[in-house]
PDB file of N, CA and C in Angstrom:
ATOM      1  N   MET A   1      54.288  82.497  54.587  1.00  0.00           N
ATOM      2  CA  MET A   1      55.148  83.644  54.795  1.00  0.00           C
ATOM      3  C   MET A   1      54.954  84.621  53.652  1.00  0.00           C
ATOM      4  N   GLN A   2      55.335  85.852  53.877  1.00  0.00           N
ATOM      5  CA  GLN A   2      55.274  86.901  52.866  1.00  0.00           C
ATOM      6  C   GLN A   2      56.701  87.259  52.470  1.00  0.00           C
ATOM      7  N   CYS A   3      56.960  87.326  51.163  1.00  0.00           N
ATOM      8  CA  CYS A   3      58.301  87.672  50.683  1.00  0.00           C
ATOM      9  C   CYS A   3      58.227  88.934  49.837  1.00  0.00           C
ATOM     10  N   ALA A   4      58.901  89.981  50.295  1.00  0.00           N
ATOM     11  CA  ALA A   4      58.961  91.246  49.565  1.00  0.00           C
ATOM     12  C   ALA A   4      60.154  91.208  48.618  1.00  0.00           C
ATOM     13  N   ILE A   5      59.911  91.532  47.360  1.00  0.00           N
ATOM     14  CA  ILE A   5      60.977  91.587  46.353  1.00  0.00           C
ATOM     15  C   ILE A   5      61.499  93.016  46.321  1.00  0.00           C
ATOM     16  N   ASN A   6      62.757  93.204  46.697  1.00  0.00           N
ATOM     17  CA  ASN A   6      63.340  94.541  46.769  1.00  0.00           C
ATOM     18  C   ASN A   6      64.116  94.926  45.515  1.00  0.00           C
ATOM     19  N   THR A   7      64.879  93.991  44.969  1.00  0.00           N
ATOM     20  CA  THR A   7      65.735  94.275  43.818  1.00  0.00           C
ATOM     21  C   THR A   7      65.683  93.115  42.846  1.00  0.00           C
ATOM     22  N   VAL A   8      65.670  93.436  41.557  1.00  0.00           N
ATOM     23  CA  VAL A   8      65.681  92.420  40.503  1.00  0.00           C
ATOM     24  C   VAL A   8      66.779  92.772  39.510  1.00  0.00           C
ATOM     25  N   MET A   9      67.553  91.779  39.099  1.00  0.00           N
ATOM     26  CA  MET A   9      68.538  91.932  38.018  1.00  0.00           C
ATOM     27  C   MET A   9      68.066  91.062  36.862  1.00  0.00           C
ATOM     28  N   VAL A  10      67.756  91.684  35.728  1.00  0.00           N
ATOM     29  CA  VAL A  10      67.222  90.988  34.559  1.00  0.00           C
ATOM     30  C   VAL A  10      68.313  90.896  33.500  1.00  0.00           C
ATOM     31  N   CYS A  11      68.550  89.685  32.998  1.00  0.00           N
ATOM     32  CA  CYS A  11      69.556  89.474  31.960  1.00  0.00           C
ATOM     33  C   CYS A  11      68.897  88.755  30.783  1.00  0.00           C
ATOM     34  N   SER A  12      68.878  89.415  29.631  1.00  0.00           N
ATOM     35  CA  SER A  12      68.324  88.793  28.435  1.00  0.00           C
ATOM     36  C   SER A  12      69.420  88.410  27.456  1.00  0.00           C
ATOM     37  N   ASP A  13      70.651  88.756  27.799  1.00  0.00           N
ATOM     38  CA  ASP A  13      71.818  88.492  26.965  1.00  0.00           C
ATOM     39  C   ASP A  13      73.009  88.394  27.910  1.00  0.00           C
ATOM     40  N   PRO A  14      74.014  87.569  27.611  1.00  0.00           N
ATOM     41  CA  PRO A  14      75.157  87.445  28.523  1.00  0.00           C
ATOM     42  C   PRO A  14      75.875  88.755  28.829  1.00  0.00           C
ATOM     43  N   SER A  15      75.748  89.752  27.970  1.00  0.00           N
ATOM     44  CA  SER A  15      76.466  91.005  28.194  1.00  0.00           C
ATOM     45  C   SER A  15      75.576  92.144  28.686  1.00  0.00           C
ATOM     46  N   VAL A  16      74.268  91.892  28.842  1.00  0.00           N
ATOM     47  CA  VAL A  16      73.366  92.973  29.238  1.00  0.00           C
ATOM     48  C   VAL A  16      72.476  92.542  30.390  1.00  0.00           C
ATOM     49  N   CYS A  17      72.635  93.201  31.540  1.00  0.00           N
ATOM     50  CA  CYS A  17      71.759  92.990  32.688  1.00  0.00           C
ATOM     51  C   CYS A  17      71.245  94.352  33.136  1.00  0.00           C
ATOM     52  N   VAL A  18      69.974  94.386  33.548  1.00  0.00           N
ATOM     53  CA  VAL A  18      69.336  95.628  33.952  1.00  0.00           C
ATOM     54  C   VAL A  18      68.838  95.473  35.381  1.00  0.00           C
ATOM     55  N   ARG A  19      69.092  96.487  36.208  1.00  0.00           N
ATOM     56  CA  ARG A  19      68.601  96.492  37.587  1.00  0.00           C
ATOM     57  C   ARG A  19      67.194  97.068  37.599  1.00  0.00           C
ATOM     58  N   GLY A  20      66.299  96.426  38.365  1.00  0.00           N
ATOM     59  CA  GLY A  20      64.936  96.912  38.450  1.00  0.00           C
ATOM     60  C   GLY A  20      64.279  96.464  39.740  1.00  0.00           C
ATOM     61  N   ASN A  21      62.948  96.347  39.679  1.00  0.00           N
ATOM     62  CA  ASN A  21      62.187  95.885  40.835  1.00  0.00           C
ATOM     63  C   ASN A  21      61.183  94.831  40.359  1.00  0.00           C
ATOM     64  N   ALA A  22      60.285  94.433  41.216  1.00  0.00           N
ATOM     65  CA  ALA A  22      59.347  93.358  40.878  1.00  0.00           C
ATOM     66  C   ALA A  22      58.536  93.676  39.625  1.00  0.00           C
ATOM     67  N   SER A  23      58.108  94.907  39.470  1.00  0.00           N
ATOM     68  CA  SER A  23      57.303  95.253  38.296  1.00  0.00           C
ATOM     69  C   SER A  23      58.099  95.147  36.996  1.00  0.00           C
ATOM     70  N   THR A  24      59.415  95.224  37.076  1.00  0.00           N
ATOM     71  CA  THR A  24      60.267  95.072  35.890  1.00  0.00           C
ATOM     72  C   THR A  24      60.049  93.710  35.236  1.00  0.00           C
ATOM     73  N   VAL A  25      59.749  92.692  36.043  1.00  0.00           N
ATOM     74  CA  VAL A  25      59.535  91.335  35.519  1.00  0.00           C
ATOM     75  C   VAL A  25      58.076  90.888  35.703  1.00  0.00           C
ATOM     76  N   ASN A  26      57.175  91.876  35.798  1.00  0.00           N
ATOM     77  CA  ASN A  26      55.737  91.624  35.904  1.00  0.00           C
ATOM     78  C   ASN A  26      55.347  90.760  37.100  1.00  0.00           C
ATOM     79  N   LEU A  27      55.988  90.999  38.241  1.00  0.00           N
ATOM     80  CA  LEU A  27      55.639  90.322  39.486  1.00  0.00           C
ATOM     81  C   LEU A  27      55.129  91.355  40.488  1.00  0.00           C
ATOM     82  N   PRO A  28      54.273  90.909  41.416  1.00  0.00           N
ATOM     83  CA  PRO A  28      53.859  91.840  42.478  1.00  0.00           C
ATOM     84  C   PRO A  28      55.028  92.068  43.431  1.00  0.00           C
ATOM     85  N   PRO A  29      55.042  93.181  44.162  1.00  0.00           N
ATOM     86  CA  PRO A  29      56.156  93.460  45.074  1.00  0.00           C
ATOM     87  C   PRO A  29      56.226  92.510  46.260  1.00  0.00           C
ATOM     88  N   VAL A  30      55.114  91.831  46.581  1.00  0.00           N
ATOM     89  CA  VAL A  30      55.087  90.890  47.699  1.00  0.00           C
ATOM     90  C   VAL A  30      54.455  89.585  47.227  1.00  0.00           C
ATOM     91  N   LEU A  31      55.123  88.469  47.529  1.00  0.00           N
ATOM     92  CA  LEU A  31      54.608  87.141  47.204  1.00  0.00           C
ATOM     93  C   LEU A  31      54.189  86.438  48.481  1.00  0.00           C
ATOM     94  N   SER A  32      53.103  85.691  48.408  1.00  0.00           N
ATOM     95  CA  SER A  32      52.655  84.869  49.533  1.00  0.00           C
ATOM     96  C   SER A  32      53.145  83.446  49.281  1.00  0.00           C
ATOM     97  N   VAL A  33      53.937  82.911  50.212  1.00  0.00           N
ATOM     98  CA  VAL A  33      54.526  81.588  50.069  1.00  0.00           C
ATOM     99  C   VAL A  33      53.913  80.656  51.105  1.00  0.00           C
ATOM    100  N   ASP A  34      53.209  79.628  50.634  1.00  0.00           N
ATOM    101  CA  ASP A  34      52.605  78.634  51.525  1.00  0.00           C
ATOM    102  C   ASP A  34      53.346  77.322  51.321  1.00  0.00           C
ATOM    103  N   VAL A  35      54.336  77.075  52.182  1.00  0.00           N
ATOM    104  CA  VAL A  35      55.176  75.883  52.045  1.00  0.00           C
ATOM    105  C   VAL A  35      54.350  74.620  52.267  1.00  0.00           C
ATOM    106  N   GLY A  36      53.434  74.637  53.226  1.00  0.00           N
ATOM    107  CA  GLY A  36      52.603  73.469  53.517  1.00  0.00           C
ATOM    108  C   GLY A  36      51.724  73.062  52.343  1.00  0.00           C
ATOM    109  N   GLN A  37      51.147  74.039  51.663  1.00  0.00           N
ATOM    110  CA  GLN A  37      50.303  73.772  50.494  1.00  0.00           C
ATOM    111  C   GLN A  37      51.113  73.700  49.200  1.00  0.00           C
ATOM    112  N   LYS A  38      52.412  74.007  49.301  1.00  0.00           N
ATOM    113  CA  LYS A  38      53.333  74.003  48.152  1.00  0.00           C
ATOM    114  C   LYS A  38      52.846  74.915  47.020  1.00  0.00           C
ATOM    115  N   VAL A  39      52.585  76.178  47.386  1.00  0.00           N
ATOM    116  CA  VAL A  39      52.131  77.140  46.384  1.00  0.00           C
ATOM    117  C   VAL A  39      52.656  78.539  46.714  1.00  0.00           C
ATOM    118  N   ILE A  40      52.974  79.290  45.664  1.00  0.00           N
ATOM    119  CA  ILE A  40      53.362  80.696  45.780  1.00  0.00           C
ATOM    120  C   ILE A  40      52.340  81.487  44.982  1.00  0.00           C
ATOM    121  N   SER A  41      51.846  82.561  45.580  1.00  0.00           N
ATOM    122  CA  SER A  41      50.851  83.370  44.877  1.00  0.00           C
ATOM    123  C   SER A  41      51.214  84.838  44.945  1.00  0.00           C
ATOM    124  N   GLY A  42      50.732  85.570  43.940  1.00  0.00           N
ATOM    125  CA  GLY A  42      50.861  87.013  43.942  1.00  0.00           C
ATOM    126  C   GLY A  42      49.696  87.571  44.735  1.00  0.00           C
ATOM    127  N   VAL A  43      49.980  88.249  45.802  1.00  0.00           N
ATOM    128  CA  VAL A  43      48.946  88.709  46.712  1.00  0.00           C
ATOM    129  C   VAL A  43      47.851  89.460  45.969  1.00  0.00           C
ATOM    130  N   THR A  44      48.206  90.344  45.054  1.00  0.00           N
ATOM    131  CA  THR A  44      47.201  91.140  44.354  1.00  0.00           C
ATOM    132  C   THR A  44      46.750  90.526  43.036  1.00  0.00           C
ATOM    133  N   THR A  45      47.548  89.630  42.457  1.00  0.00           N
ATOM    134  CA  THR A  45      47.209  89.108  41.138  1.00  0.00           C
ATOM    135  C   THR A  45      46.343  87.862  41.172  1.00  0.00           C
ATOM    136  N   GLY A  46      46.427  87.086  42.256  1.00  0.00           N
ATOM    137  CA  GLY A  46      45.684  85.840  42.325  1.00  0.00           C
ATOM    138  C   GLY A  46      46.343  84.705  41.556  1.00  0.00           C
ATOM    139  N   ARG A  47      47.399  84.981  40.812  1.00  0.00           N
ATOM    140  CA  ARG A  47      48.123  83.955  40.055  1.00  0.00           C
ATOM    141  C   ARG A  47      48.924  83.095  41.018  1.00  0.00           C
ATOM    142  N   THR A  48      49.018  81.789  40.749  1.00  0.00           N
ATOM    143  CA  THR A  48      49.780  80.894  41.615  1.00  0.00           C
ATOM    144  C   THR A  48      50.743  80.042  40.796  1.00  0.00           C
ATOM    145  N   ILE A  49      51.811  79.602  41.455  1.00  0.00           N
ATOM    146  CA  ILE A  49      52.711  78.608  40.874  1.00  0.00           C
ATOM    147  C   ILE A  49      52.951  77.540  41.933  1.00  0.00           C
ATOM    148  N   LYS A  50      53.157  76.311  41.470  1.00  0.00           N
ATOM    149  CA  LYS A  50      53.364  75.194  42.388  1.00  0.00           C
ATOM    150  C   LYS A  50      54.831  75.057  42.757  1.00  0.00           C
ATOM    151  N   ILE A  51      55.062  74.777  44.030  1.00  0.00           N
ATOM    152  CA  ILE A  51      56.392  74.451  44.526  1.00  0.00           C
ATOM    153  C   ILE A  51      56.546  72.941  44.355  1.00  0.00           C
ATOM    154  N   THR A  52      57.582  72.500  43.642  1.00  0.00           N
ATOM    155  CA  THR A  52      57.762  71.061  43.428  1.00  0.00           C
ATOM    156  C   THR A  52      58.791  70.447  44.367  1.00  0.00           C
ATOM    157  N   SER A  53      59.624  71.289  45.006  1.00  0.00           N
ATOM    158  CA  SER A  53      60.632  70.764  45.912  1.00  0.00           C
ATOM    159  C   SER A  53      60.799  71.700  47.102  1.00  0.00           C
ATOM    160  N   VAL A  54      60.834  71.120  48.314  1.00  0.00           N
ATOM    161  CA  VAL A  54      61.071  71.871  49.547  1.00  0.00           C
ATOM    162  C   VAL A  54      62.186  71.157  50.303  1.00  0.00           C
ATOM    163  N   GLU A  55      63.248  71.891  50.640  1.00  0.00           N
ATOM    164  CA  GLU A  55      64.356  71.317  51.392  1.00  0.00           C
ATOM    165  C   GLU A  55      64.834  72.309  52.439  1.00  0.00           C
ATOM    166  N   HIS A  56      65.455  71.810  53.483  1.00  0.00           N
ATOM    167  CA  HIS A  56      66.128  72.625  54.493  1.00  0.00           C
ATOM    168  C   HIS A  56      67.581  72.182  54.496  1.00  0.00           C
ATOM    169  N   GLU A  57      68.478  73.117  54.238  1.00  0.00           N
ATOM    170  CA  GLU A  57      69.903  72.778  54.193  1.00  0.00           C
ATOM    171  C   GLU A  57      70.726  73.992  54.583  1.00  0.00           C
ATOM    172  N   GLY A  58      71.677  73.789  55.472  1.00  0.00           N
ATOM    173  CA  GLY A  58      72.598  74.859  55.853  1.00  0.00           C
ATOM    174  C   GLY A  58      71.916  76.090  56.412  1.00  0.00           C
ATOM    175  N   GLY A  59      70.821  75.915  57.141  1.00  0.00           N
ATOM    176  CA  GLY A  59      70.123  77.055  57.706  1.00  0.00           C
ATOM    177  C   GLY A  59      69.269  77.816  56.707  1.00  0.00           C
ATOM    178  N   ARG A  60      69.023  77.216  55.560  1.00  0.00           N
ATOM    179  CA  ARG A  60      68.207  77.873  54.526  1.00  0.00           C
ATOM    180  C   ARG A  60      67.025  76.995  54.130  1.00  0.00           C
ATOM    181  N   LEU A  61      65.927  77.638  53.825  1.00  0.00           N
ATOM    182  CA  LEU A  61      64.773  76.992  53.226  1.00  0.00           C
ATOM    183  C   LEU A  61      64.944  77.107  51.727  1.00  0.00           C
ATOM    184  N   LEU A  62      64.942  75.975  51.024  1.00  0.00           N
ATOM    185  CA  LEU A  62      65.161  75.951  49.573  1.00  0.00           C
ATOM    186  C   LEU A  62      63.893  75.465  48.885  1.00  0.00           C
ATOM    187  N   LEU A  63      63.370  76.283  47.983  1.00  0.00           N
ATOM    188  CA  LEU A  63      62.161  75.968  47.233  1.00  0.00           C
ATOM    189  C   LEU A  63      62.488  75.996  45.752  1.00  0.00           C
ATOM    190  N   SER A  64      61.821  75.134  44.966  1.00  0.00           N
ATOM    191  CA  SER A  64      62.039  75.175  43.522  1.00  0.00           C
ATOM    192  C   SER A  64      60.801  74.688  42.783  1.00  0.00           C
ATOM    193  N   GLY A  65      60.780  74.993  41.493  1.00  0.00           N
ATOM    194  CA  GLY A  65      59.683  74.562  40.651  1.00  0.00           C
ATOM    195  C   GLY A  65      59.958  74.897  39.200  1.00  0.00           C
ATOM    196  N   SER A  66      58.982  74.591  38.348  1.00  0.00           N
ATOM    197  CA  SER A  66      59.114  74.914  36.923  1.00  0.00           C
ATOM    198  C   SER A  66      57.741  75.289  36.395  1.00  0.00           C
ATOM    199  N   GLU A  67      57.749  76.074  35.334  1.00  0.00           N
ATOM    200  CA  GLU A  67      56.510  76.531  34.730  1.00  0.00           C
ATOM    201  C   GLU A  67      56.797  77.083  33.345  1.00  0.00           C
ATOM    202  N   SER A  68      55.963  76.758  32.393  1.00  0.00           N
ATOM    203  CA  SER A  68      56.019  77.329  31.038  1.00  0.00           C
ATOM    204  C   SER A  68      57.406  77.245  30.405  1.00  0.00           C
ATOM    205  N   GLY A  69      58.079  76.117  30.560  1.00  0.00           N
ATOM    206  CA  GLY A  69      59.384  75.937  29.938  1.00  0.00           C
ATOM    207  C   GLY A  69      60.534  76.590  30.669  1.00  0.00           C
ATOM    208  N   GLY A  70      60.298  77.107  31.853  1.00  0.00           N
ATOM    209  CA  GLY A  70      61.347  77.727  32.653  1.00  0.00           C
ATOM    210  C   GLY A  70      61.422  77.066  34.012  1.00  0.00           C
ATOM    211  N   SER A  71      62.393  77.472  34.817  1.00  0.00           N
ATOM    212  CA  SER A  71      62.525  76.926  36.168  1.00  0.00           C
ATOM    213  C   SER A  71      62.925  78.043  37.123  1.00  0.00           C
ATOM    214  N   TRP A  72      62.721  77.802  38.427  1.00  0.00           N
ATOM    215  CA  TRP A  72      63.041  78.813  39.422  1.00  0.00           C
ATOM    216  C   TRP A  72      63.476  78.147  40.727  1.00  0.00           C
ATOM    217  N   ASN A  73      64.236  78.898  41.508  1.00  0.00           N
ATOM    218  CA  ASN A  73      64.691  78.470  42.828  1.00  0.00           C
ATOM    219  C   ASN A  73      64.639  79.665  43.769  1.00  0.00           C
ATOM    220  N   VAL A  74      64.255  79.417  45.017  1.00  0.00           N
ATOM    221  CA  VAL A  74      64.222  80.446  46.054  1.00  0.00           C
ATOM    222  C   VAL A  74      64.988  79.905  47.252  1.00  0.00           C
ATOM    223  N   ALA A  75      65.853  80.732  47.826  1.00  0.00           N
ATOM    224  CA  ALA A  75      66.568  80.388  49.054  1.00  0.00           C
ATOM    225  C   ALA A  75      66.263  81.451  50.093  1.00  0.00           C
ATOM    226  N   VAL A  76      65.803  81.014  51.280  1.00  0.00           N
ATOM    227  CA  VAL A  76      65.486  81.942  52.368  1.00  0.00           C
ATOM    228  C   VAL A  76      66.338  81.549  53.574  1.00  0.00           C
ATOM    229  N   VAL A  77      67.143  82.480  54.061  1.00  0.00           N
ATOM    230  CA  VAL A  77      67.931  82.239  55.265  1.00  0.00           C
ATOM    231  C   VAL A  77      66.939  82.192  56.423  1.00  0.00           C
ATOM    232  N   GLU A  78      66.913  81.049  57.119  1.00  0.00           N
ATOM    233  CA  GLU A  78      65.854  80.826  58.098  1.00  0.00           C
ATOM    234  C   GLU A  78      65.920  81.743  59.315  1.00  0.00           C
ATOM    235  N   ASP A  79      67.088  82.179  59.744  1.00  0.00           N
ATOM    236  CA  ASP A  79      67.133  83.036  60.935  1.00  0.00           C
ATOM    237  C   ASP A  79      66.985  84.522  60.627  1.00  0.00           C
ATOM    238  N   SER A  80      67.261  84.958  59.406  1.00  0.00           N
ATOM    239  CA  SER A  80      67.160  86.386  59.079  1.00  0.00           C
ATOM    240  C   SER A  80      66.035  86.716  58.103  1.00  0.00           C
ATOM    241  N   GLY A  81      65.581  85.734  57.318  1.00  0.00           N
ATOM    242  CA  GLY A  81      64.556  85.980  56.307  1.00  0.00           C
ATOM    243  C   GLY A  81      65.098  86.512  54.989  1.00  0.00           C
ATOM    244  N   ALA A  82      66.418  86.697  54.888  1.00  0.00           N
ATOM    245  CA  ALA A  82      66.996  87.184  53.634  1.00  0.00           C
ATOM    246  C   ALA A  82      66.674  86.193  52.511  1.00  0.00           C
ATOM    247  N   MET A  83      66.169  86.718  51.394  1.00  0.00           N
ATOM    248  CA  MET A  83      65.733  85.876  50.287  1.00  0.00           C
ATOM    249  C   MET A  83      66.520  86.199  49.024  1.00  0.00           C
ATOM    250  N   SER A  84      66.923  85.153  48.312  1.00  0.00           N
ATOM    251  CA  SER A  84      67.479  85.320  46.973  1.00  0.00           C
ATOM    252  C   SER A  84      66.829  84.260  46.095  1.00  0.00           C
ATOM    253  N   SER A  85      66.641  84.617  44.838  1.00  0.00           N
ATOM    254  CA  SER A  85      65.912  83.740  43.938  1.00  0.00           C
ATOM    255  C   SER A  85      66.443  83.903  42.523  1.00  0.00           C
ATOM    256  N   VAL A  86      66.287  82.850  41.737  1.00  0.00           N
ATOM    257  CA  VAL A  86      66.659  82.902  40.333  1.00  0.00           C
ATOM    258  C   VAL A  86      65.529  82.284  39.515  1.00  0.00           C
ATOM    259  N   ALA A  87      65.262  82.876  38.364  1.00  0.00           N
ATOM    260  CA  ALA A  87      64.281  82.322  37.430  1.00  0.00           C
ATOM    261  C   ALA A  87      64.925  82.272  36.052  1.00  0.00           C
ATOM    262  N   LEU A  88      64.851  81.110  35.427  1.00  0.00           N
ATOM    263  CA  LEU A  88      65.342  80.953  34.067  1.00  0.00           C
ATOM    264  C   LEU A  88      64.130  80.874  33.152  1.00  0.00           C
ATOM    265  N   VAL A  89      64.075  81.750  32.185  1.00  0.00           N
ATOM    266  CA  VAL A  89      62.959  81.807  31.253  1.00  0.00           C
ATOM    267  C   VAL A  89      63.479  81.600  29.838  1.00  0.00           C
ATOM    268  N   ARG A  90      62.580  81.537  28.884  1.00  0.00           N
ATOM    269  CA  ARG A  90      62.972  81.230  27.500  1.00  0.00           C
ATOM    270  C   ARG A  90      63.992  82.190  26.915  1.00  0.00           C
ATOM    271  N   ASN A  91      63.952  83.443  27.291  1.00  0.00           N
ATOM    272  CA  ASN A  91      64.863  84.417  26.686  1.00  0.00           C
ATOM    273  C   ASN A  91      65.805  85.053  27.708  1.00  0.00           C
ATOM    274  N   GLY A  92      66.283  84.285  28.675  1.00  0.00           N
ATOM    275  CA  GLY A  92      67.223  84.807  29.654  1.00  0.00           C
ATOM    276  C   GLY A  92      66.859  84.383  31.055  1.00  0.00           C
ATOM    277  N   GLY A  93      66.976  85.320  31.976  1.00  0.00           N
ATOM    278  CA  GLY A  93      66.642  85.016  33.356  1.00  0.00           C
ATOM    279  C   GLY A  93      66.748  86.243  34.228  1.00  0.00           C
ATOM    280  N   PHE A  94      66.434  86.053  35.509  1.00  0.00           N
ATOM    281  CA  PHE A  94      66.569  87.154  36.437  1.00  0.00           C
ATOM    282  C   PHE A  94      66.844  86.657  37.846  1.00  0.00           C
ATOM    283  N   LEU A  95      67.529  87.501  38.609  1.00  0.00           N
ATOM    284  CA  LEU A  95      67.815  87.279  40.019  1.00  0.00           C
ATOM    285  C   LEU A  95      66.946  88.228  40.821  1.00  0.00           C
ATOM    286  N   MET A  96      66.422  87.745  41.948  1.00  0.00           N
ATOM    287  CA  MET A  96      65.620  88.604  42.816  1.00  0.00           C
ATOM    288  C   MET A  96      66.195  88.538  44.229  1.00  0.00           C
ATOM    289  N   PHE A  97      66.140  89.662  44.928  1.00  0.00           N
ATOM    290  CA  PHE A  97      66.617  89.745  46.296  1.00  0.00           C
ATOM    291  C   PHE A  97      65.550  90.435  47.131  1.00  0.00           C
ATOM    292  N   GLY A  98      65.358  89.970  48.361  1.00  0.00           N
ATOM    293  CA  GLY A  98      64.360  90.582  49.220  1.00  0.00           C
ATOM    294  C   GLY A  98      64.388  89.987  50.606  1.00  0.00           C
ATOM    295  N   THR A  99      63.245  90.083  51.286  1.00  0.00           N
ATOM    296  CA  THR A  99      63.121  89.610  52.656  1.00  0.00           C
ATOM    297  C   THR A  99      61.803  88.907  52.851  1.00  0.00           C
ATOM    298  N   CYS A 100      61.824  87.780  53.572  1.00  0.00           N
ATOM    299  CA  CYS A 100      60.612  87.020  53.881  1.00  0.00           C
ATOM    300  C   CYS A 100      60.344  87.095  55.374  1.00  0.00           C
ATOM    301  N   THR A 101      59.060  87.191  55.724  1.00  0.00           N
ATOM    302  CA  THR A 101      58.632  87.206  57.109  1.00  0.00           C
ATOM    303  C   THR A 101      57.502  86.214  57.297  1.00  0.00           C
ATOM    304  N   SER A 102      57.378  85.688  58.496  1.00  0.00           N
ATOM    305  CA  SER A 102      56.290  84.761  58.803  1.00  0.00           C
ATOM    306  C   SER A 102      54.978  85.525  58.869  1.00  0.00           C
ATOM    307  N   ASN A 103      53.912  84.830  58.516  1.00  0.00           N
ATOM    308  CA  ASN A 103      52.575  85.452  58.583  1.00  0.00           C
ATOM    309  C   ASN A 103      52.174  85.683  60.010  1.00  0.00           C
TER     310      ASN A 103
END
């Protein structure tokens, strides 16, 4: 599936969050998600990350993984494609919102 990142909220301190887009956190605007191969890639960057957990619960597809001392989770509403995600990194974290569609 393809997931478009529409909005990103970046927080590097408990009192400061900034609204942005995928480029704000150095991500491509669209991610390619291959649940069967357990990999997410940046369509234009060629960079990949491994999905370590895949679950279906409450009508949502739940994906998670970790990389470089951080962790991430993605939730996709299966009937609408609405996507929300969180990434925790060494100096804070960010929330992402968007939409996923089947290939």
